[in-house]
């Protein structure tokens, strides 16, 4: 993979930072405006480093509705340490749960590129010496990681923390699956209303090992965030209260500690590309496999590798999955275990320690992090408790919680969250029931048209086809909630909340002429997760004949940002990055 092209503006930020404003009298108009906004009070303060806080606070996302409080804590901490502080917010942040099930979900994956571009714009236009990103949810987290690497000045990330579990140990997935139960007449509307009212009790990224929490946890292994980033809850639990809106003092302290650590990174000139290496990406995927993270982590970490110019592909991920036992199951794979329990048993450090003690060949404890080395974290972490977290001698499964499948309908790969698949579904064959969109599939599932033994195929929902690679939580939860024993494959993606035999990220996608586009109703599809295989029972000649008969794909969205995105985006096997 060739080195990413860096524009002259970012090169200048890397080389000079805020010293650009001390270049001579010609810069005094700029400085005058900095005095006007209160960033500095006199010309003397130009000698101090400038640090930018980039927050994604918004009241449109429960994981972000308290980030103003974290931002305030970071700002006060930095100012007490004698640096100049710029504070800004980025827009375009999307709550996947609120965007789910309507056109708005098409903006979600695209927002990753939009937010990274905004951060480049902010720092390119207002050069600083270091920055701290404050985020929490699905695409905002990987966008901040990508921006850290692209800009490559000292930087650190801190999350808003996971949401506490709701009443009766419920979470957002309980509501989605409740819709399936309601459609199957297993519960009534009053019971569904009760679940919806109390399953999400307050601030934080949705409880469970869904995409946001997966990416926040992986930040600890990548080396971009402090220990506890993924597991310290957003709020402090108030016993007896249904709603949880008191920000956790531990989370506020983590934000302050991240600010302190950023000053150390600045003094020692430690930059993201000093931290992100092939080894640190290996470390992240070892953790991912050990904990059974969201399938979306594959999409985002591949995009991060691409941003850094590090060659990394699905074959490497498959090797790590084969070598890394799944030692912990977290909701939705084990519905009663949420992140607050994972914190109690030692968090990500304990999970990595279990794998390290099992002699995992891909784990490199010498990898540099924003807090030292990965080994400094892992070696002081507790051993497995034996219940929530197991040893590699007694894992939930001998291989990782994610698997990469290949076959004649996924020649460039597909992803399945094995930690959420029942043992008797690991091998599955059945007739295809084909849908050209998530919406049409969901309607038919709720009407009872999908039966036991079917393989639901949802296509033209990939990065280009959707556009935006729409999440499939609604149909997968409907299948699960209704108790239907069926598989689902798609060139779209899933929420980390998905469980069951659900295979996503099929590449190449249908819109790019991928083989998933040739499947017809009734075609028999064979899935063998343990053998990493997924094929349709068609000859090579028949697949070729059907591909030749396909009509050229026409973009579904003709105008605005999404049309530009769809015309530039690549398939999932590359991380759904934009072509230059």
Protein backbone atom coordinates (compact mmCIF):
# COMPACT_ATOMS: atom_id res chain seq x y z
CA UNK A 1 0.00 0.00 0.00
CA UNK A 2 1.40 3.41 -0.97
CA UNK A 3 1.89 6.16 1.57
CA UNK A 4 -1.14 8.45 1.90
CA UNK A 5 -0.78 11.81 0.20
CA UNK A 6 -0.63 14.66 2.73
CA UNK A 7 -1.50 18.15 1.57
CA UNK A 8 0.81 21.12 2.17
CA UNK A 9 -1.45 22.58 4.84
CA UNK A 10 -1.26 19.49 7.04
CA UNK A 11 2.50 19.25 6.44
CA UNK A 12 2.78 22.81 7.74
CA UNK A 13 0.71 21.99 10.83
CA UNK A 14 2.95 18.98 11.51
CA UNK A 15 6.11 21.03 11.14
CA UNK A 16 5.19 24.33 12.80
CA UNK A 17 1.84 24.03 14.58
CA UNK A 18 0.82 27.28 16.27
CA UNK A 19 4.26 28.81 15.59
CA UNK A 20 2.73 29.80 12.25
CA UNK A 21 1.18 32.74 14.11
CA UNK A 22 4.58 33.96 15.32
CA UNK A 23 6.07 34.19 11.84
CA UNK A 24 6.20 38.00 11.83
CA UNK A 25 4.17 41.23 11.82
CA UNK A 26 2.12 39.98 8.86
CA UNK A 27 0.41 37.54 11.22
CA UNK A 28 -0.71 40.18 13.73
CA UNK A 29 -4.20 40.53 12.20
CA UNK A 30 -4.69 36.81 12.84
CA UNK A 31 -3.45 37.21 16.39
CA UNK A 32 -5.77 40.16 16.97
CA UNK A 33 -8.73 37.92 16.23
CA UNK A 34 -7.40 35.27 18.62
CA UNK A 35 -7.34 37.93 21.35
CA UNK A 36 -10.89 38.94 20.42
CA UNK A 37 -12.20 35.41 20.89
CA UNK A 38 -10.42 35.00 24.24
CA UNK A 39 -8.03 32.24 23.16
CA UNK A 40 -5.15 34.46 24.31
CA UNK A 41 -5.07 37.72 26.27
CA UNK A 42 -1.76 39.15 25.08
CA UNK A 43 0.96 38.69 22.48
CA UNK A 44 3.16 37.09 25.15
CA UNK A 45 0.79 34.11 25.33
CA UNK A 46 1.65 33.22 21.74
CA UNK A 47 4.70 31.49 23.21
CA UNK A 48 2.48 28.90 24.89
CA UNK A 49 1.37 25.77 23.01
CA UNK A 50 -2.12 25.73 21.52
CA UNK A 51 -4.27 22.67 22.15
CA UNK A 52 -7.60 22.16 20.41
CA UNK A 53 -10.47 20.31 22.05
CA UNK A 54 -12.68 18.77 19.37
CA UNK A 55 -15.94 17.69 20.95
CA UNK A 56 -18.95 16.01 19.34
CA UNK A 57 -21.46 17.12 21.96
CA UNK A 58 -25.07 17.03 20.80
CA UNK A 59 -28.39 16.35 22.46
CA UNK A 60 -29.44 14.25 19.46
CA UNK A 61 -27.39 11.26 20.65
CA UNK A 62 -27.67 9.75 24.16
CA UNK A 63 -23.99 8.86 24.09
CA UNK A 64 -23.13 12.51 23.44
CA UNK A 65 -25.70 14.47 25.44
CA UNK A 66 -23.29 14.80 28.40
CA UNK A 67 -20.09 15.44 26.47
CA UNK A 68 -20.32 19.16 27.24
CA UNK A 69 -19.56 18.23 30.85
CA UNK A 70 -16.53 16.19 29.79
CA UNK A 71 -15.41 19.02 27.52
CA UNK A 72 -15.61 21.49 30.40
CA UNK A 73 -13.49 19.17 32.58
CA UNK A 74 -10.87 18.83 29.82
CA UNK A 75 -10.78 22.59 29.16
CA UNK A 76 -10.33 23.44 32.84
CA UNK A 77 -7.59 20.83 33.20
CA UNK A 78 -5.66 22.05 30.17
CA UNK A 79 -5.93 25.71 31.16
CA UNK A 80 -4.63 24.88 34.64
CA UNK A 81 -1.53 23.45 32.94
CA UNK A 82 -0.62 26.71 31.23
CA UNK A 83 -1.54 26.10 27.59
CA UNK A 84 -3.77 28.03 25.21
CA UNK A 85 -7.03 26.20 24.53
CA UNK A 86 -9.27 26.28 21.49
CA UNK A 87 -12.60 24.49 21.95
CA UNK A 88 -14.82 23.51 19.06
CA UNK A 89 -17.61 21.10 18.19
CA UNK A 90 -17.95 18.97 15.06
CA UNK A 91 -21.32 18.41 13.40
CA UNK A 92 -22.67 15.57 11.29
CA UNK A 93 -22.80 13.15 14.24
CA UNK A 94 -25.47 10.46 13.76
CA UNK A 95 -27.22 8.22 16.29
CA UNK A 96 -27.57 4.92 14.46
CA UNK A 97 -30.47 3.91 16.68
CA UNK A 98 -32.49 7.04 15.93
CA UNK A 99 -31.52 6.89 12.23
CA UNK A 100 -32.48 3.20 12.04
CA UNK A 101 -35.35 2.05 9.85
CA UNK A 102 -35.67 5.15 7.66
CA UNK A 103 -33.68 6.97 4.98
CA UNK A 104 -31.54 8.72 7.59
CA UNK A 105 -29.47 5.57 8.21
CA UNK A 106 -27.86 6.14 4.81
CA UNK A 107 -26.03 9.11 6.30
CA UNK A 108 -24.44 7.12 9.12
CA UNK A 109 -21.42 5.45 7.51
CA UNK A 110 -20.89 8.46 5.25
CA UNK A 111 -20.65 10.64 8.36
CA UNK A 112 -17.36 8.94 9.26
CA UNK A 113 -15.70 10.60 6.25
CA UNK A 114 -17.55 13.86 6.83
CA UNK A 115 -16.38 14.14 10.46
CA UNK A 116 -12.76 13.25 9.69
CA UNK A 117 -12.80 15.90 6.96
CA UNK A 118 -14.24 18.45 9.38
CA UNK A 119 -11.43 17.79 11.87
CA UNK A 120 -8.83 18.15 9.11
CA UNK A 121 -10.53 21.43 8.14
CA UNK A 122 -10.58 22.77 11.70
CA UNK A 123 -6.92 22.05 12.40
CA UNK A 124 -5.72 22.90 8.90
CA UNK A 125 -7.38 26.32 9.12
CA UNK A 126 -6.49 26.96 12.78
CA UNK A 127 -3.07 25.30 13.30
CA UNK A 128 -2.43 23.95 16.79
CA UNK A 129 0.23 21.84 18.47
CA UNK A 130 -1.93 18.99 19.79
CA UNK A 131 -5.58 18.05 20.05
CA UNK A 132 -7.97 15.89 22.05
CA UNK A 133 -11.05 14.25 20.58
CA UNK A 134 -14.17 13.70 22.70
CA UNK A 135 -16.70 11.32 21.16
CA UNK A 136 -18.62 8.16 21.90
CA UNK A 137 -20.84 6.67 19.23
CA UNK A 138 -20.68 4.60 16.10
CA UNK A 139 -19.02 6.63 13.32
CA UNK A 140 -17.72 9.50 15.42
CA UNK A 141 -15.13 7.30 17.15
CA UNK A 142 -13.49 5.87 13.99
CA UNK A 143 -13.68 9.32 12.38
CA UNK A 144 -11.61 10.73 15.24
CA UNK A 145 -9.10 7.86 15.00
CA UNK A 146 -8.78 8.45 11.25
CA UNK A 147 -8.26 12.18 11.80
CA UNK A 148 -5.60 11.50 14.45
CA UNK A 149 -3.60 9.51 11.91
CA UNK A 150 -4.23 11.86 8.97
CA UNK A 151 -3.12 15.01 10.82
CA UNK A 152 -0.43 13.26 12.88
CA UNK A 153 0.28 15.79 15.60
CA UNK A 154 0.17 14.73 19.29
CA UNK A 155 -3.40 13.64 19.99
CA UNK A 156 -5.49 11.55 22.36
CA UNK A 157 -9.07 10.33 22.38
CA UNK A 158 -11.53 10.08 25.28
CA UNK A 159 -15.03 8.64 25.09
CA UNK A 160 -18.22 9.51 26.92
CA UNK A 161 -18.56 5.96 28.24
CA UNK A 162 -21.17 3.22 27.95
CA UNK A 163 -24.80 3.49 29.05
CA UNK A 164 -25.88 1.55 32.11
CA UNK A 165 -28.20 -1.40 31.57
CA UNK A 166 -31.91 -0.69 31.91
CA UNK A 167 -34.63 -2.35 33.98
CA UNK A 168 -34.41 -6.15 34.23
CA UNK A 169 -30.94 -5.96 32.61
CA UNK A 170 -32.37 -4.72 29.32
CA UNK A 171 -30.80 -2.51 26.64
CA UNK A 172 -31.64 -1.13 23.20
CA UNK A 173 -31.60 -4.59 21.63
CA UNK A 174 -34.32 -5.66 24.04
CA UNK A 175 -36.55 -3.05 22.38
CA UNK A 176 -35.69 -4.11 18.82
CA UNK A 177 -36.23 -7.79 19.65
CA UNK A 178 -39.39 -6.81 21.52
CA UNK A 179 -40.79 -5.56 18.20
CA UNK A 180 -40.20 -9.05 16.77
CA UNK A 181 -41.88 -10.65 19.81
CA UNK A 182 -44.84 -8.30 19.44
CA UNK A 183 -45.21 -9.15 15.73
CA UNK A 184 -45.20 -12.85 16.68
CA UNK A 185 -47.82 -12.13 19.39
CA UNK A 186 -45.45 -13.24 22.15
CA UNK A 187 -45.96 -9.98 24.06
CA UNK A 188 -48.64 -7.30 23.96
CA UNK A 189 -48.24 -3.59 23.20
CA UNK A 190 -48.29 -2.62 26.87
CA UNK A 191 -45.38 -4.96 27.58
CA UNK A 192 -43.47 -3.60 24.58
CA UNK A 193 -44.10 -0.02 25.75
CA UNK A 194 -42.67 -0.86 29.17
CA UNK A 195 -39.47 -2.27 27.65
CA UNK A 196 -39.07 0.80 25.43
CA UNK A 197 -39.53 3.16 28.39
CA UNK A 198 -36.86 1.70 30.66
CA UNK A 199 -34.33 -0.19 28.49
CA UNK A 200 -32.19 2.90 27.83
CA UNK A 201 -32.01 4.71 31.18
CA UNK A 202 -29.73 7.66 30.43
CA UNK A 203 -26.51 9.03 28.96
CA UNK A 204 -23.95 6.79 27.29
CA UNK A 205 -23.29 4.68 24.24
CA UNK A 206 -25.89 1.90 24.12
CA UNK A 207 -25.15 -0.79 26.72
CA UNK A 208 -23.55 -3.94 25.31
CA UNK A 209 -20.71 -4.77 22.94
CA UNK A 210 -22.22 -2.89 20.03
CA UNK A 211 -20.23 -0.81 17.54
CA UNK A 212 -19.66 2.28 19.68
CA UNK A 213 -18.48 0.36 22.72
CA UNK A 214 -16.43 -2.00 20.56
CA UNK A 215 -14.55 0.92 19.00
CA UNK A 216 -14.10 2.66 22.36
CA UNK A 217 -12.67 -0.56 23.81
CA UNK A 218 -10.40 -1.15 20.82
CA UNK A 219 -8.99 2.36 21.34
CA UNK A 220 -7.27 1.02 24.45
CA UNK A 221 -5.53 -1.75 22.45
CA UNK A 222 -4.75 0.46 19.45
CA UNK A 223 -3.07 2.79 21.92
CA UNK A 224 -5.13 5.91 21.23
CA UNK A 225 -7.06 6.02 24.54
CA UNK A 226 -6.40 5.48 28.24
CA UNK A 227 -7.32 2.27 30.09
CA UNK A 228 -10.99 2.37 31.09
CA UNK A 229 -11.97 4.34 28.00
CA UNK A 230 -14.36 1.61 26.90
CA UNK A 231 -15.74 0.41 30.23
CA UNK A 232 -16.13 3.27 32.73
CA UNK A 233 -19.85 4.03 32.54
CA UNK A 234 -21.14 7.42 31.43
CA UNK A 235 -23.31 7.83 34.49
CA UNK A 236 -23.19 6.88 38.14
CA UNK A 237 -25.97 4.42 38.99
CA UNK A 238 -28.53 5.91 41.36
CA UNK A 239 -30.21 2.94 43.11
CA UNK A 240 -33.97 2.86 42.71
CA UNK A 241 -33.99 5.48 39.95
CA UNK A 242 -35.27 4.52 36.50
CA UNK A 243 -33.37 7.34 34.77
CA UNK A 244 -29.62 7.73 35.08
CA UNK A 245 -28.41 11.25 34.29
CA UNK A 246 -25.71 11.91 36.91
CA UNK A 247 -22.36 11.89 35.10
CA UNK A 248 -19.95 9.35 36.58
CA UNK A 249 -17.12 11.08 38.52
CA UNK A 250 -14.75 8.35 37.26
CA UNK A 251 -15.59 9.29 33.67
CA UNK A 252 -14.90 12.97 34.40
CA UNK A 253 -11.59 12.02 35.99
CA UNK A 254 -10.65 9.93 32.96
CA UNK A 255 -11.24 13.03 30.80
CA UNK A 256 -8.95 15.08 33.05
CA UNK A 257 -6.33 12.32 32.98
CA UNK A 258 -6.49 12.25 29.18
CA UNK A 259 -5.82 16.01 29.14
CA UNK A 260 -2.80 15.54 31.44
CA UNK A 261 -1.48 12.73 29.26
CA UNK A 262 -1.84 14.85 26.13
CA UNK A 263 0.57 17.39 27.62
CA UNK A 264 3.11 14.56 28.09
CA UNK A 265 2.62 13.44 24.49
CA UNK A 266 3.22 17.03 23.35
CA UNK A 267 6.38 17.43 25.44
CA UNK A 268 7.76 14.13 24.11
CA UNK A 269 6.50 14.73 20.55
CA UNK A 270 4.70 11.35 20.46
CA UNK A 271 2.35 11.28 17.49
CA UNK A 272 -0.39 8.88 16.33
CA UNK A 273 1.77 7.36 13.59
CA UNK A 274 4.38 6.54 16.25
CA UNK A 275 1.65 4.46 17.91
CA UNK A 276 -0.36 2.99 15.04
CA UNK A 277 1.56 0.14 13.44
CA UNK A 278 0.71 -3.23 11.97
CA UNK A 279 1.41 -4.69 15.43
CA UNK A 280 -1.03 -2.34 17.17
CA UNK A 281 -3.71 -3.22 14.61
CA UNK A 282 -3.00 -6.89 15.35
CA UNK A 283 -3.46 -6.11 19.06
CA UNK A 284 -6.82 -4.49 18.36
CA UNK A 285 -8.07 -7.48 16.39
CA UNK A 286 -6.81 -9.91 19.06
CA UNK A 287 -8.96 -8.01 21.58
CA UNK A 288 -11.82 -7.90 19.08
CA UNK A 289 -11.76 -11.67 18.62
CA UNK A 290 -11.36 -12.35 22.33
CA UNK A 291 -14.41 -10.23 23.23
CA UNK A 292 -16.58 -10.78 20.14
CA UNK A 293 -16.93 -7.14 19.12
CA UNK A 294 -19.20 -5.67 16.50
CA UNK A 295 -18.65 -6.72 12.88
CA UNK A 296 -18.36 -3.00 12.09
CA UNK A 297 -14.96 -2.93 13.80
CA UNK A 298 -13.55 -4.70 10.75
CA UNK A 299 -14.87 -1.96 8.50
CA UNK A 300 -13.45 0.82 10.66
CA UNK A 301 -10.05 -0.67 11.48
CA UNK A 302 -9.45 -1.46 7.80
CA UNK A 303 -10.27 2.18 7.01
CA UNK A 304 -7.83 3.27 9.74
CA UNK A 305 -5.08 1.09 8.26
CA UNK A 306 -5.80 2.61 4.85
CA UNK A 307 -5.56 6.12 6.33
CA UNK A 308 -2.14 5.27 7.79
CA UNK A 309 -0.88 3.53 4.63
CA UNK A 310 -0.56 0.19 6.44
CA UNK A 311 -1.26 -2.88 4.33
CA UNK A 312 -3.90 -4.95 6.10
CA UNK A 313 -6.60 -7.25 4.75
CA UNK A 314 -9.29 -9.78 5.63
CA UNK A 315 -6.89 -12.72 5.32
CA UNK A 316 -4.83 -11.33 8.21
CA UNK A 317 -7.99 -10.92 10.29
CA UNK A 318 -8.95 -14.53 9.54
CA UNK A 319 -5.53 -15.71 10.79
CA UNK A 320 -5.96 -13.79 14.05
CA UNK A 321 -9.49 -15.15 14.49
CA UNK A 322 -8.21 -18.73 14.13
CA UNK A 323 -5.52 -18.13 16.76
CA UNK A 324 -7.58 -16.21 19.34
CA UNK A 325 -10.19 -17.90 21.55
CA UNK A 326 -13.41 -16.07 22.43
CA UNK A 327 -12.92 -15.75 26.22
CA UNK A 328 -15.77 -13.39 27.06
CA UNK A 329 -19.33 -12.94 25.84
CA UNK A 330 -20.97 -9.57 26.33
CA UNK A 331 -24.49 -8.43 25.43
CA UNK A 332 -26.01 -9.14 22.98
CA UNK A 333 -24.13 -12.47 22.83
CA UNK A 334 -24.69 -12.91 26.59
CA UNK A 335 -27.61 -10.59 27.37
CA UNK A 336 -27.04 -10.40 31.12
CA UNK A 337 -23.42 -9.16 30.79
CA UNK A 338 -22.99 -5.44 30.09
CA UNK A 339 -19.94 -3.17 30.16
CA UNK A 340 -20.40 -2.22 33.82
CA UNK A 341 -19.76 -5.89 34.71
CA UNK A 342 -16.77 -6.07 32.35
CA UNK A 343 -15.24 -3.11 34.20
CA UNK A 344 -15.62 -4.92 37.53
CA UNK A 345 -13.56 -7.89 36.33
CA UNK A 346 -10.71 -5.76 35.00
CA UNK A 347 -11.88 -4.42 31.64
CA UNK A 348 -9.89 -4.71 28.44
CA UNK A 349 -6.63 -5.28 30.30
CA UNK A 350 -8.00 -8.45 31.91
CA UNK A 351 -9.29 -9.73 28.57
CA UNK A 352 -5.90 -9.17 26.95
CA UNK A 353 -4.15 -10.74 29.95
CA UNK A 354 -6.21 -13.89 29.52
CA UNK A 355 -5.16 -14.09 25.87
CA UNK A 356 -1.54 -13.18 26.69
CA UNK A 357 -1.33 -15.94 29.31
CA UNK A 358 -2.63 -18.27 26.60
CA UNK A 359 0.47 -17.46 24.49
CA UNK A 360 -1.31 -15.65 21.66
CA UNK A 361 1.27 -15.20 18.90
CA UNK A 362 -0.28 -12.03 17.49
CA UNK A 363 -0.34 -10.00 20.73
CA UNK A 364 2.59 -7.58 21.05
CA UNK A 365 2.87 -6.03 24.51
CA UNK A 366 5.79 -3.84 23.44
CA UNK A 367 3.51 -1.72 21.27
CA UNK A 368 3.59 1.98 22.12
CA UNK A 369 0.41 3.65 23.43
CA UNK A 370 -0.61 7.11 24.65
CA UNK A 371 -0.09 5.76 28.18
CA UNK A 372 3.25 3.94 27.70
CA UNK A 373 3.22 0.41 26.33
CA UNK A 374 0.41 -2.10 26.08
CA UNK A 375 2.34 -4.39 28.41
CA UNK A 376 2.26 -1.84 31.23
CA UNK A 377 -1.53 -2.09 31.12
CA UNK A 378 -1.96 -5.81 30.52
CA UNK A 379 0.57 -7.20 32.99
CA UNK A 380 -0.95 -5.34 35.95
CA UNK A 381 -4.49 -6.39 35.05
CA UNK A 382 -6.31 -9.14 37.02
CA UNK A 383 -6.63 -12.73 35.92
CA UNK A 384 -9.95 -14.09 34.61
CA UNK A 385 -12.74 -14.50 37.16
CA UNK A 386 -13.82 -17.75 35.47
CA UNK A 387 -17.42 -16.72 34.93
CA UNK A 388 -17.70 -13.48 32.98
CA UNK A 389 -14.13 -13.82 31.69
CA UNK A 390 -12.57 -17.21 31.03
CA UNK A 391 -9.05 -18.47 30.37
CA UNK A 392 -7.96 -19.70 26.94
CA UNK A 393 -8.06 -23.25 28.35
CA UNK A 394 -11.81 -22.97 28.90
CA UNK A 395 -13.04 -20.43 26.33
CA UNK A 396 -16.56 -19.90 25.05
CA UNK A 397 -15.16 -21.00 21.70
CA UNK A 398 -11.63 -21.94 20.59
CA UNK A 399 -11.67 -19.35 17.82
CA UNK A 400 -12.44 -15.62 17.80
CA UNK A 401 -15.81 -13.95 18.17
CA UNK A 402 -15.69 -12.77 14.55
CA UNK A 403 -15.01 -14.81 11.42
CA UNK A 404 -14.25 -14.01 7.80
CA UNK A 405 -16.10 -16.11 5.23
CA UNK A 406 -15.20 -16.53 1.56
CA UNK A 407 -16.99 -18.26 -1.29
CA UNK A 408 -18.54 -17.83 -4.70
CA UNK A 409 -20.90 -15.12 -3.42
CA UNK A 410 -18.23 -13.39 -1.31
CA UNK A 411 -15.04 -13.63 -3.34
CA UNK A 412 -13.50 -10.75 -1.37
CA UNK A 413 -14.95 -11.84 1.94
CA UNK A 414 -17.83 -11.36 4.38
CA UNK A 415 -18.01 -11.00 8.18
CA UNK A 416 -20.02 -12.85 10.83
CA UNK A 417 -20.11 -12.32 14.60
CA UNK A 418 -19.61 -15.94 15.67
CA UNK A 419 -19.97 -15.12 19.37
CA UNK A 420 -23.64 -14.39 18.66
CA UNK A 421 -24.31 -17.55 16.60
CA UNK A 422 -25.91 -20.61 18.20
CA UNK A 423 -23.82 -23.79 18.00
CA UNK A 424 -26.43 -25.61 15.90
CA UNK A 425 -26.44 -22.79 13.33
CA UNK A 426 -22.72 -22.83 12.55
CA UNK A 427 -23.48 -25.05 9.56
CA UNK A 428 -26.60 -24.09 7.64
CA UNK A 429 -28.14 -24.67 4.22
CA UNK A 430 -31.37 -23.36 2.83
CA UNK A 431 -33.22 -21.72 -0.04
CA UNK A 432 -32.60 -18.05 -0.73
CA UNK A 433 -35.33 -15.53 -0.12
CA UNK A 434 -34.07 -12.44 -1.94
CA UNK A 435 -34.87 -8.79 -1.17
CA UNK A 436 -33.53 -5.69 -2.89
CA UNK A 437 -33.67 -3.55 0.26
CA UNK A 438 -33.83 -3.72 4.04
CA UNK A 439 -37.30 -2.14 4.05
CA UNK A 440 -38.85 -4.80 1.82
CA UNK A 441 -37.19 -7.57 3.84
CA UNK A 442 -38.44 -6.18 7.16
CA UNK A 443 -42.02 -5.91 5.92
CA UNK A 444 -42.00 -9.55 4.80
CA UNK A 445 -40.38 -10.76 8.02
CA UNK A 446 -43.00 -8.97 10.14
CA UNK A 447 -45.76 -10.45 7.93
CA UNK A 448 -44.44 -13.94 8.67
CA UNK A 449 -43.26 -14.70 5.11
CA UNK A 450 -39.77 -15.77 6.22
CA UNK A 451 -39.79 -19.34 7.51
CA UNK A 452 -37.49 -21.68 9.39
CA UNK A 453 -34.70 -22.89 7.12
CA UNK A 454 -34.67 -19.83 4.84
CA UNK A 455 -31.58 -17.81 3.94
CA UNK A 456 -32.65 -14.18 3.73
CA UNK A 457 -30.57 -12.25 1.17
CA UNK A 458 -30.67 -8.45 1.39
CA UNK A 459 -28.64 -6.75 -1.33
CA UNK A 460 -27.98 -3.37 -2.93
CA UNK A 461 -27.48 -2.03 0.60
CA UNK A 462 -23.66 -1.81 0.50
CA UNK A 463 -21.53 1.36 0.69
CA UNK A 464 -22.41 2.32 -2.90
CA UNK A 465 -25.74 0.51 -3.20
CA UNK A 466 -27.47 1.80 -0.06
CA UNK A 467 -25.81 4.17 -0.25
CA UNK A 468 -24.08 4.15 3.09
CA UNK A 469 -24.20 0.42 3.93
CA UNK A 470 -27.43 0.48 5.90
CA UNK A 471 -27.45 -1.38 9.25
CA UNK A 472 -29.63 -4.47 9.43
CA UNK A 473 -30.60 -4.42 13.10
CA UNK A 474 -34.34 -4.15 12.45
CA UNK A 475 -34.66 -7.30 10.29
CA UNK A 476 -32.17 -9.35 12.32
CA UNK A 477 -33.86 -8.43 15.59
CA UNK A 478 -37.27 -9.17 14.06
CA UNK A 479 -36.08 -12.66 13.04
CA UNK A 480 -34.58 -13.27 16.49
CA UNK A 481 -37.54 -11.85 18.36
CA UNK A 482 -40.00 -13.94 16.36
CA UNK A 483 -37.97 -17.10 17.02
CA UNK A 484 -37.43 -17.87 13.32
CA UNK A 485 -34.53 -20.23 12.59
CA UNK A 486 -33.18 -18.51 9.49
CA UNK A 487 -29.87 -17.12 8.24
CA UNK A 488 -29.38 -13.64 6.78
CA UNK A 489 -26.68 -12.44 4.39
CA UNK A 490 -26.21 -8.92 3.08
CA UNK A 491 -23.77 -6.52 1.45
CA UNK A 492 -24.97 -4.07 4.08
CA UNK A 493 -23.82 -4.14 7.67
CA UNK A 494 -25.14 -4.99 11.11
CA UNK A 495 -25.31 -3.21 14.41
CA UNK A 496 -23.07 -4.66 17.09
CA UNK A 497 -26.41 -5.52 18.69
CA UNK A 498 -27.14 -8.16 16.06
CA UNK A 499 -27.10 -11.82 17.06
CA UNK A 500 -27.82 -15.00 15.14
CA UNK A 501 -26.42 -16.34 11.85
CA UNK A 502 -26.16 -12.92 10.23
CA UNK A 503 -23.42 -12.44 7.65
CA UNK A 504 -22.66 -8.94 6.44
CA UNK A 505 -20.11 -6.90 4.51
CA UNK A 506 -20.38 -9.26 1.51
CA UNK A 507 -17.81 -8.05 -1.01
CA UNK A 508 -17.84 -7.13 -3.78
CA UNK A 509 -21.26 -5.60 -3.14
CA UNK A 510 -24.16 -6.00 -5.55
CA UNK A 511 -23.87 -2.40 -6.78
CA UNK A 512 -20.27 -3.10 -7.79
CA UNK A 513 -21.29 -6.19 -9.76
CA UNK A 514 -20.59 -8.64 -6.95
CA UNK A 515 -21.87 -12.20 -7.11
CA UNK A 516 -24.51 -11.58 -4.42
CA UNK A 517 -26.39 -9.75 -7.20
CA UNK A 518 -26.98 -12.98 -9.19
CA UNK A 519 -28.76 -14.97 -6.45
CA UNK A 520 -32.40 -15.81 -7.19
CA UNK A 521 -35.24 -16.97 -4.94
CA UNK A 522 -34.91 -20.68 -4.27
CA UNK A 523 -31.17 -20.95 -4.94
CA UNK A 524 -29.64 -23.12 -2.24
CA UNK A 525 -26.99 -21.40 -0.13
CA UNK A 526 -24.52 -23.37 1.99
CA UNK A 527 -22.87 -21.73 5.01
CA UNK A 528 -20.10 -23.33 7.09
CA UNK A 529 -18.78 -20.84 9.62
CA UNK A 530 -16.15 -23.20 11.01
CA UNK A 531 -14.71 -23.74 7.54
CA UNK A 532 -15.06 -20.03 6.68
CA UNK A 533 -17.15 -20.89 3.62
CA UNK A 534 -20.31 -19.48 2.06
CA UNK A 535 -21.44 -20.58 -1.41
CA UNK A 536 -24.51 -20.69 -3.61
CA UNK A 537 -25.07 -24.02 -5.39
CA UNK A 538 -24.47 -22.71 -8.88
CA UNK A 539 -21.82 -23.61 -11.41
CA UNK A 540 -19.15 -21.10 -12.30
CA UNK A 541 -20.60 -20.93 -15.81
CA UNK A 542 -24.10 -20.14 -14.48
CA UNK A 543 -22.76 -17.39 -12.20
CA UNK A 544 -20.87 -15.87 -15.15
CA UNK A 545 -23.99 -16.05 -17.35
CA UNK A 546 -26.12 -14.32 -14.71
CA UNK A 547 -23.48 -11.64 -14.11
CA UNK A 548 -23.36 -10.82 -17.81
CA UNK A 549 -27.14 -10.36 -17.78
CA UNK A 550 -27.06 -7.83 -14.93
CA UNK A 551 -28.09 -4.29 -15.75
CA UNK A 552 -25.59 -1.54 -14.85
CA UNK A 553 -26.25 -0.21 -11.36
CA UNK A 554 -27.82 3.22 -11.17
CA UNK A 555 -27.16 5.33 -8.06
CA UNK A 556 -30.26 5.55 -5.85
CA UNK A 557 -29.45 9.06 -4.65
CA UNK A 558 -28.94 11.71 -7.32
CA UNK A 559 -28.14 14.86 -5.34
CA UNK A 560 -26.37 16.26 -2.31
CA UNK A 561 -23.57 14.87 -0.19
CA UNK A 562 -24.80 11.25 -0.41
CA UNK A 563 -24.63 11.28 -4.21
CA UNK A 564 -21.00 12.40 -4.07
CA UNK A 565 -20.29 9.78 -1.41
CA UNK A 566 -21.90 6.96 -3.43
CA UNK A 567 -19.90 7.85 -6.52
CA UNK A 568 -16.57 7.67 -4.63
CA UNK A 569 -16.97 4.91 -2.01
CA UNK A 570 -15.35 1.46 -2.28
CA UNK A 571 -16.67 -1.92 -1.07
CA UNK A 572 -16.48 -3.18 2.51
CA UNK A 573 -13.31 -5.27 2.10
CA UNK A 574 -11.32 -2.01 1.82
CA UNK A 575 -13.08 -0.40 4.79
CA UNK A 576 -15.56 1.49 2.59
CA UNK A 577 -13.10 4.33 2.11
CA UNK A 578 -13.42 7.03 -0.53
CA UNK A 579 -11.43 6.85 -3.75
CA UNK A 580 -9.17 9.86 -4.26
